[in-house]
Amino acid sequence: MPIIRLEMFEGRTTEQKREFVEVMTRETCRILTCKPEDVNIVIDEVARSRWATGGTLWSDKAPK
């Protein structure tokens, strides 16, 4: 039973997440030869104020 965990900043649309889980499930089944119902995907969305890189919160960085 593969479990795929994804951590990312919040803000993606439901459609983007839907496409991600569909593609990841399909490719996981293809590569690992398992059934789609055996694939679990957990998406943890994190606020930029709760994620830091290089000692700086992402919420403090200038948007790109």
C-alpha atoms as a PDB file:
ATOM      1  CA  MET A   1       0.000   0.000   0.000  1.00  0.00           C
ATOM      2  CA  PRO A   2       1.987   3.021  -1.203  1.00  0.00           C
ATOM      3  CA  ILE A   3       1.493   6.214   0.784  1.00  0.00           C
ATOM      4  CA  ILE A   4       2.606   9.431  -0.886  1.00  0.00           C
ATOM      5  CA  ARG A   5       2.924  12.525   1.308  1.00  0.00           C
ATOM      6  CA  LEU A   6       3.117  15.982  -0.230  1.00  0.00           C
ATOM      7  CA  GLU A   7       3.848  19.136   1.734  1.00  0.00           C
ATOM      8  CA  MET A   8       3.383  22.413  -0.096  1.00  0.00           C
ATOM      9  CA  PHE A   9       2.342  25.996   0.442  1.00  0.00           C
ATOM     10  CA  GLU A  10      -1.388  26.523   0.611  1.00  0.00           C
ATOM     11  CA  GLY A  11      -3.111  28.174  -2.306  1.00  0.00           C
ATOM     12  CA  ARG A  12      -3.399  25.553  -5.045  1.00  0.00           C
ATOM     13  CA  THR A  13      -6.858  25.020  -6.463  1.00  0.00           C
ATOM     14  CA  THR A  14      -8.911  21.886  -5.980  1.00  0.00           C
ATOM     15  CA  GLU A  15      -8.556  21.240  -9.718  1.00  0.00           C
ATOM     16  CA  GLN A  16      -4.743  21.336  -9.440  1.00  0.00           C
ATOM     17  CA  LYS A  17      -4.808  18.920  -6.505  1.00  0.00           C
ATOM     18  CA  ARG A  18      -7.284  16.674  -8.328  1.00  0.00           C
ATOM     19  CA  GLU A  19      -5.012  16.487 -11.370  1.00  0.00           C
ATOM     20  CA  PHE A  20      -1.979  15.828  -9.168  1.00  0.00           C
ATOM     21  CA  VAL A  21      -3.586  12.885  -7.345  1.00  0.00           C
ATOM     22  CA  GLU A  22      -4.929  11.395 -10.588  1.00  0.00           C
ATOM     23  CA  VAL A  23      -1.520  11.523 -12.296  1.00  0.00           C
ATOM     24  CA  MET A  24       0.421  10.358  -9.236  1.00  0.00           C
ATOM     25  CA  THR A  25      -1.959   7.454  -8.686  1.00  0.00           C
ATOM     26  CA  ARG A  26      -1.791   6.373 -12.329  1.00  0.00           C
ATOM     27  CA  GLU A  27       2.013   6.561 -12.473  1.00  0.00           C
ATOM     28  CA  THR A  28       2.449   4.886  -9.089  1.00  0.00           C
ATOM     29  CA  CYS A  29       0.311   1.973 -10.285  1.00  0.00           C
ATOM     30  CA  ARG A  30       2.245   1.757 -13.545  1.00  0.00           C
ATOM     31  CA  ILE A  31       5.648   1.739 -11.882  1.00  0.00           C
ATOM     32  CA  LEU A  32       4.856  -0.307  -8.760  1.00  0.00           C
ATOM     33  CA  THR A  33       2.262  -2.587 -10.372  1.00  0.00           C
ATOM     34  CA  CYS A  34      -0.444  -1.994  -7.794  1.00  0.00           C
ATOM     35  CA  LYS A  35      -4.146  -1.165  -7.913  1.00  0.00           C
ATOM     36  CA  PRO A  36      -5.394   2.441  -7.726  1.00  0.00           C
ATOM     37  CA  GLU A  37      -7.376   1.683  -4.579  1.00  0.00           C
ATOM     38  CA  ASP A  38      -4.103   0.732  -2.871  1.00  0.00           C
ATOM     39  CA  VAL A  39      -2.525   4.164  -3.423  1.00  0.00           C
ATOM     40  CA  ASN A  40      -2.948   6.749  -0.675  1.00  0.00           C
ATOM     41  CA  ILE A  41      -1.963  10.382  -1.119  1.00  0.00           C
ATOM     42  CA  VAL A  42      -1.893  12.862   1.759  1.00  0.00           C
ATOM     43  CA  ILE A  43      -1.606  16.562   0.948  1.00  0.00           C
ATOM     44  CA  ASP A  44      -0.495  18.826   3.791  1.00  0.00           C
ATOM     45  CA  GLU A  45      -0.877  22.499   2.984  1.00  0.00           C
ATOM     46  CA  VAL A  46       1.332  24.809   5.010  1.00  0.00           C
ATOM     47  CA  ALA A  47       0.960  28.556   5.465  1.00  0.00           C
ATOM     48  CA  ARG A  48       4.011  30.564   4.360  1.00  0.00           C
ATOM     49  CA  SER A  49       4.206  31.908   7.915  1.00  0.00           C
ATOM     50  CA  ARG A  50       4.893  28.364   9.154  1.00  0.00           C
ATOM     51  CA  TRP A  51       7.697  27.471   6.713  1.00  0.00           C
ATOM     52  CA  ALA A  52      11.229  28.831   6.745  1.00  0.00           C
ATOM     53  CA  THR A  53      14.271  28.361   4.550  1.00  0.00           C
ATOM     54  CA  GLY A  54      17.698  29.713   5.373  1.00  0.00           C
ATOM     55  CA  GLY A  55      16.469  31.261   8.606  1.00  0.00           C
ATOM     56  CA  THR A  56      13.744  33.343   6.944  1.00  0.00           C
ATOM     57  CA  LEU A  57      10.006  32.722   6.988  1.00  0.00           C
ATOM     58  CA  TRP A  58       8.554  32.472   3.502  1.00  0.00           C
ATOM     59  CA  SER A  59       5.914  35.009   4.527  1.00  0.00           C
ATOM     60  CA  ASP A  60       8.742  37.541   5.013  1.00  0.00           C
ATOM     61  CA  LYS A  61      10.207  36.987   1.546  1.00  0.00           C
ATOM     62  CA  ALA A  62       9.313  39.243  -1.351  1.00  0.00           C
ATOM     63  CA  PRO A  63       6.905  37.524  -3.784  1.00  0.00           C
ATOM     64  CA  LYS A  64       8.465  36.343  -7.043  1.00  0.00           C
END
